Amino acid sequence: MAASTEAPYVDIDIIDIFLAPTNDNSKLQSLKTEPFVGPALRFIAPYDDGVFLYSNRVGKALVVSDVQAYLDLYARGGRDLKQAEVLLKTTIQRRWATA
């Protein structure tokens, strides 16, 4: 979701949902992806709360920072590398240039 706000033209086939360890996530974890309805959902329990550093609210969703999204997309490789590169060039590097 984080990358789709900055590079919406890149197809997303999996949405990563990071679960905060302090919340009751049982309702979220019971969600099932329905075929042909949208991207698959992948629930991740992060090692620490650092994944939420500099996160932003988009509607009701808490969305990871652009840097975290870049790192996650880059680590996944494959088609996600394209989206990672777009995010780096169109958003992250522009912010570095203005700093």
N, C-alpha and C. Protein backbone atom coordinates (compact mmCIF):
# COMPACT_ATOMS: atom_id res chain seq x y z
N MET A 1 0.82 -1.19 0.00
CA MET A 1 0.00 0.00 0.00
C MET A 1 0.87 1.25 0.00
N ALA A 2 1.96 1.22 0.75
CA ALA A 2 2.83 2.39 0.82
C ALA A 2 3.35 2.76 -0.56
N ALA A 3 3.83 1.79 -1.28
CA ALA A 3 4.38 2.06 -2.61
C ALA A 3 3.29 2.46 -3.60
N SER A 4 2.11 1.93 -3.45
CA SER A 4 1.04 2.23 -4.40
C SER A 4 0.58 3.67 -4.31
N THR A 5 0.79 4.34 -3.18
CA THR A 5 0.41 5.75 -3.09
C THR A 5 1.37 6.63 -3.87
N GLU A 6 2.62 6.19 -4.05
CA GLU A 6 3.62 6.96 -4.77
C GLU A 6 3.82 6.47 -6.21
N ALA A 7 3.56 5.22 -6.46
CA ALA A 7 3.73 4.65 -7.81
C ALA A 7 2.50 3.79 -8.13
N PRO A 8 1.34 4.44 -8.29
CA PRO A 8 0.10 3.69 -8.42
C PRO A 8 -0.06 2.90 -9.72
N TYR A 9 0.76 3.17 -10.70
CA TYR A 9 0.63 2.49 -11.98
C TYR A 9 1.33 1.14 -12.02
N VAL A 10 2.06 0.80 -10.98
CA VAL A 10 2.74 -0.50 -10.92
C VAL A 10 1.78 -1.51 -10.29
N ASP A 11 1.58 -2.64 -10.96
CA ASP A 11 0.66 -3.66 -10.45
C ASP A 11 1.17 -4.25 -9.14
N ILE A 12 0.26 -4.43 -8.22
CA ILE A 12 0.60 -5.03 -6.94
C ILE A 12 -0.11 -6.38 -6.86
N ASP A 13 0.65 -7.44 -6.62
CA ASP A 13 0.03 -8.75 -6.54
C ASP A 13 -0.03 -9.27 -5.10
N ILE A 14 0.73 -8.66 -4.19
CA ILE A 14 0.70 -9.06 -2.78
C ILE A 14 0.74 -7.81 -1.92
N ILE A 15 -0.11 -7.74 -0.93
CA ILE A 15 -0.09 -6.64 0.04
C ILE A 15 0.42 -7.20 1.35
N ASP A 16 1.52 -6.60 1.83
CA ASP A 16 2.08 -6.99 3.13
C ASP A 16 1.38 -6.19 4.21
N ILE A 17 0.91 -6.88 5.23
CA ILE A 17 0.28 -6.23 6.38
C ILE A 17 1.11 -6.57 7.60
N PHE A 18 1.74 -5.54 8.18
CA PHE A 18 2.54 -5.72 9.38
C PHE A 18 1.64 -5.63 10.59
N LEU A 19 1.74 -6.61 11.46
CA LEU A 19 0.89 -6.67 12.64
C LEU A 19 1.64 -6.13 13.85
N ALA A 20 1.04 -5.15 14.52
CA ALA A 20 1.64 -4.60 15.73
C ALA A 20 1.47 -5.62 16.85
N PRO A 21 2.54 -5.91 17.59
CA PRO A 21 2.47 -6.95 18.61
C PRO A 21 1.55 -6.62 19.78
N THR A 22 1.21 -5.35 19.96
CA THR A 22 0.38 -4.98 21.11
C THR A 22 -1.11 -5.04 20.80
N ASN A 23 -1.49 -5.21 19.56
CA ASN A 23 -2.90 -5.23 19.18
C ASN A 23 -3.43 -6.66 19.09
N ASP A 24 -4.74 -6.80 19.26
CA ASP A 24 -5.38 -8.09 19.02
C ASP A 24 -5.61 -8.20 17.51
N ASN A 25 -4.84 -9.05 16.87
CA ASN A 25 -4.87 -9.17 15.41
C ASN A 25 -5.68 -10.37 14.93
N SER A 26 -6.45 -10.98 15.80
CA SER A 26 -7.15 -12.20 15.43
C SER A 26 -8.14 -11.97 14.28
N LYS A 27 -8.82 -10.83 14.25
CA LYS A 27 -9.76 -10.56 13.16
C LYS A 27 -9.02 -10.40 11.84
N LEU A 28 -7.91 -9.69 11.86
CA LEU A 28 -7.13 -9.52 10.64
C LEU A 28 -6.59 -10.85 10.14
N GLN A 29 -6.07 -11.65 11.05
CA GLN A 29 -5.47 -12.92 10.64
C GLN A 29 -6.50 -13.90 10.12
N SER A 30 -7.78 -13.69 10.46
CA SER A 30 -8.81 -14.59 9.97
C SER A 30 -9.29 -14.22 8.57
N LEU A 31 -8.87 -13.06 8.06
CA LEU A 31 -9.24 -12.68 6.70
C LEU A 31 -8.64 -13.65 5.70
N LYS A 32 -9.37 -13.93 4.68
CA LYS A 32 -8.88 -14.83 3.64
C LYS A 32 -8.94 -14.09 2.31
N THR A 33 -7.94 -14.30 1.50
CA THR A 33 -7.93 -13.72 0.18
C THR A 33 -8.91 -14.49 -0.70
N GLU A 34 -9.74 -13.75 -1.42
CA GLU A 34 -10.69 -14.38 -2.33
C GLU A 34 -10.12 -14.31 -3.74
N PRO A 35 -10.22 -15.42 -4.47
CA PRO A 35 -9.67 -15.42 -5.83
C PRO A 35 -10.32 -14.35 -6.71
N PHE A 36 -9.50 -13.68 -7.50
CA PHE A 36 -9.94 -12.70 -8.49
C PHE A 36 -10.61 -11.46 -7.90
N VAL A 37 -10.36 -11.18 -6.62
CA VAL A 37 -10.95 -10.01 -6.00
C VAL A 37 -9.91 -8.91 -5.82
N GLY A 38 -8.67 -9.26 -5.77
CA GLY A 38 -7.61 -8.28 -5.59
C GLY A 38 -6.32 -8.97 -5.23
N PRO A 39 -5.35 -8.18 -4.80
CA PRO A 39 -4.06 -8.77 -4.43
C PRO A 39 -4.17 -9.70 -3.23
N ALA A 40 -3.26 -10.65 -3.15
CA ALA A 40 -3.20 -11.54 -2.00
C ALA A 40 -2.73 -10.76 -0.78
N LEU A 41 -3.15 -11.19 0.39
CA LEU A 41 -2.73 -10.55 1.64
C LEU A 41 -1.69 -11.43 2.32
N ARG A 42 -0.62 -10.79 2.81
CA ARG A 42 0.40 -11.52 3.54
C ARG A 42 0.58 -10.81 4.89
N PHE A 43 0.33 -11.53 5.98
CA PHE A 43 0.45 -10.96 7.32
C PHE A 43 1.83 -11.26 7.88
N ILE A 44 2.48 -10.21 8.39
CA ILE A 44 3.85 -10.33 8.88
C ILE A 44 3.92 -9.80 10.30
N ALA A 45 4.50 -10.59 11.19
CA ALA A 45 4.79 -10.13 12.55
C ALA A 45 6.24 -9.66 12.54
N PRO A 46 6.47 -8.34 12.54
CA PRO A 46 7.85 -7.84 12.46
C PRO A 46 8.66 -8.19 13.70
N TYR A 47 9.97 -8.23 13.52
CA TYR A 47 10.88 -8.55 14.62
C TYR A 47 10.85 -7.49 15.71
N ASP A 48 10.62 -6.23 15.29
CA ASP A 48 10.55 -5.15 16.26
C ASP A 48 9.62 -4.06 15.71
N ASP A 49 9.40 -3.03 16.49
CA ASP A 49 8.49 -1.96 16.09
C ASP A 49 9.13 -0.97 15.12
N GLY A 50 10.39 -1.16 14.76
CA GLY A 50 11.08 -0.26 13.85
C GLY A 50 10.41 -0.13 12.50
N VAL A 51 9.67 -1.15 12.08
CA VAL A 51 8.97 -1.11 10.80
C VAL A 51 7.94 0.02 10.78
N PHE A 52 7.47 0.42 11.95
CA PHE A 52 6.45 1.46 12.04
C PHE A 52 7.06 2.86 12.20
N LEU A 53 8.39 2.97 12.23
CA LEU A 53 9.05 4.26 12.38
C LEU A 53 8.73 5.14 11.17
N TYR A 54 8.30 6.34 11.40
CA TYR A 54 7.94 7.32 10.36
C TYR A 54 6.76 6.88 9.51
N SER A 55 5.90 6.03 10.04
CA SER A 55 4.72 5.63 9.29
C SER A 55 3.73 6.79 9.22
N ASN A 56 2.80 6.70 8.29
CA ASN A 56 1.80 7.75 8.06
C ASN A 56 0.41 7.13 8.00
N ARG A 57 -0.59 7.94 8.27
CA ARG A 57 -1.98 7.49 8.12
C ARG A 57 -2.46 7.84 6.72
N VAL A 58 -3.04 6.86 6.05
CA VAL A 58 -3.71 7.06 4.77
C VAL A 58 -5.11 6.53 4.98
N GLY A 59 -6.06 7.44 5.13
CA GLY A 59 -7.40 7.02 5.52
C GLY A 59 -7.34 6.44 6.92
N LYS A 60 -7.82 5.22 7.07
CA LYS A 60 -7.78 4.55 8.38
C LYS A 60 -6.56 3.64 8.52
N ALA A 61 -5.78 3.52 7.45
CA ALA A 61 -4.64 2.60 7.47
C ALA A 61 -3.37 3.30 7.94
N LEU A 62 -2.57 2.60 8.71
CA LEU A 62 -1.23 3.06 9.08
C LEU A 62 -0.27 2.47 8.06
N VAL A 63 0.40 3.34 7.31
CA VAL A 63 1.23 2.93 6.18
C VAL A 63 2.70 3.18 6.51
N VAL A 64 3.54 2.20 6.23
CA VAL A 64 4.97 2.33 6.52
C VAL A 64 5.57 3.47 5.70
N SER A 65 6.73 3.94 6.13
CA SER A 65 7.42 5.02 5.43
C SER A 65 7.87 4.56 4.05
N ASP A 66 8.19 5.53 3.21
CA ASP A 66 8.67 5.21 1.87
C ASP A 66 9.97 4.42 1.92
N VAL A 67 10.84 4.74 2.86
CA VAL A 67 12.11 4.01 2.97
C VAL A 67 11.85 2.56 3.37
N GLN A 68 10.95 2.32 4.31
CA GLN A 68 10.62 0.95 4.71
C GLN A 68 9.99 0.20 3.54
N ALA A 69 9.10 0.86 2.81
CA ALA A 69 8.48 0.23 1.64
C ALA A 69 9.53 -0.14 0.60
N TYR A 70 10.48 0.77 0.37
CA TYR A 70 11.56 0.49 -0.58
C TYR A 70 12.36 -0.74 -0.15
N LEU A 71 12.75 -0.78 1.12
CA LEU A 71 13.53 -1.91 1.61
C LEU A 71 12.78 -3.23 1.46
N ASP A 72 11.49 -3.23 1.76
CA ASP A 72 10.69 -4.45 1.66
C ASP A 72 10.53 -4.89 0.21
N LEU A 73 10.25 -3.95 -0.68
CA LEU A 73 10.10 -4.29 -2.10
C LEU A 73 11.42 -4.79 -2.68
N TYR A 74 12.50 -4.13 -2.34
CA TYR A 74 13.81 -4.53 -2.85
C TYR A 74 14.16 -5.94 -2.38
N ALA A 75 13.86 -6.24 -1.14
CA ALA A 75 14.18 -7.56 -0.58
C ALA A 75 13.36 -8.66 -1.25
N ARG A 76 12.15 -8.34 -1.69
CA ARG A 76 11.32 -9.35 -2.34
C ARG A 76 11.79 -9.67 -3.74
N GLY A 77 12.46 -8.72 -4.40
CA GLY A 77 13.00 -8.97 -5.73
C GLY A 77 11.94 -9.13 -6.79
N GLY A 78 12.30 -9.72 -7.90
CA GLY A 78 11.36 -9.96 -8.99
C GLY A 78 10.73 -8.68 -9.49
N ARG A 79 9.42 -8.75 -9.75
CA ARG A 79 8.70 -7.57 -10.24
C ARG A 79 8.70 -6.44 -9.23
N ASP A 80 8.85 -6.77 -7.96
CA ASP A 80 8.83 -5.74 -6.93
C ASP A 80 10.04 -4.81 -7.02
N LEU A 81 11.11 -5.26 -7.66
CA LEU A 81 12.28 -4.40 -7.85
C LEU A 81 11.92 -3.18 -8.68
N LYS A 82 11.05 -3.35 -9.67
CA LYS A 82 10.63 -2.23 -10.51
C LYS A 82 9.93 -1.18 -9.66
N GLN A 83 9.05 -1.61 -8.81
CA GLN A 83 8.34 -0.67 -7.96
C GLN A 83 9.28 -0.03 -6.95
N ALA A 84 10.24 -0.79 -6.44
CA ALA A 84 11.22 -0.24 -5.51
C ALA A 84 12.02 0.87 -6.19
N GLU A 85 12.46 0.64 -7.43
CA GLU A 85 13.23 1.64 -8.16
C GLU A 85 12.41 2.89 -8.44
N VAL A 86 11.14 2.72 -8.80
CA VAL A 86 10.27 3.87 -9.04
C VAL A 86 10.10 4.67 -7.76
N LEU A 87 9.89 4.00 -6.66
CA LEU A 87 9.73 4.67 -5.37
C LEU A 87 11.01 5.43 -5.00
N LEU A 88 12.16 4.82 -5.24
CA LEU A 88 13.43 5.47 -4.95
C LEU A 88 13.61 6.73 -5.78
N LYS A 89 13.38 6.63 -7.08
CA LYS A 89 13.64 7.75 -7.99
C LYS A 89 12.60 8.86 -7.88
N THR A 90 11.34 8.51 -7.72
CA THR A 90 10.29 9.53 -7.75
C THR A 90 10.01 10.16 -6.40
N THR A 91 10.36 9.50 -5.33
CA THR A 91 10.01 10.02 -4.02
C THR A 91 11.21 10.19 -3.10
N ILE A 92 11.92 9.13 -2.84
CA ILE A 92 12.99 9.17 -1.83
C ILE A 92 14.14 10.07 -2.27
N GLN A 93 14.64 9.90 -3.48
CA GLN A 93 15.76 10.72 -3.95
C GLN A 93 15.37 12.19 -4.06
N ARG A 94 14.14 12.47 -4.43
CA ARG A 94 13.67 13.87 -4.50
C ARG A 94 13.71 14.51 -3.12
N ARG A 95 13.33 13.77 -2.11
CA ARG A 95 13.36 14.32 -0.75
C ARG A 95 14.80 14.55 -0.29
N TRP A 96 15.72 13.67 -0.70
CA TRP A 96 17.13 13.87 -0.36
C TRP A 96 17.64 15.16 -1.01
N ALA A 97 17.22 15.42 -2.25
CA ALA A 97 17.70 16.60 -2.97
C ALA A 97 17.24 17.89 -2.32
N THR A 98 16.09 17.86 -1.67
CA THR A 98 15.57 19.09 -1.05
C THR A 98 16.03 19.25 0.38
N ALA A 99 16.70 18.23 0.93
CA ALA A 99 17.14 18.30 2.34
C ALA A 99 18.38 19.14 2.51
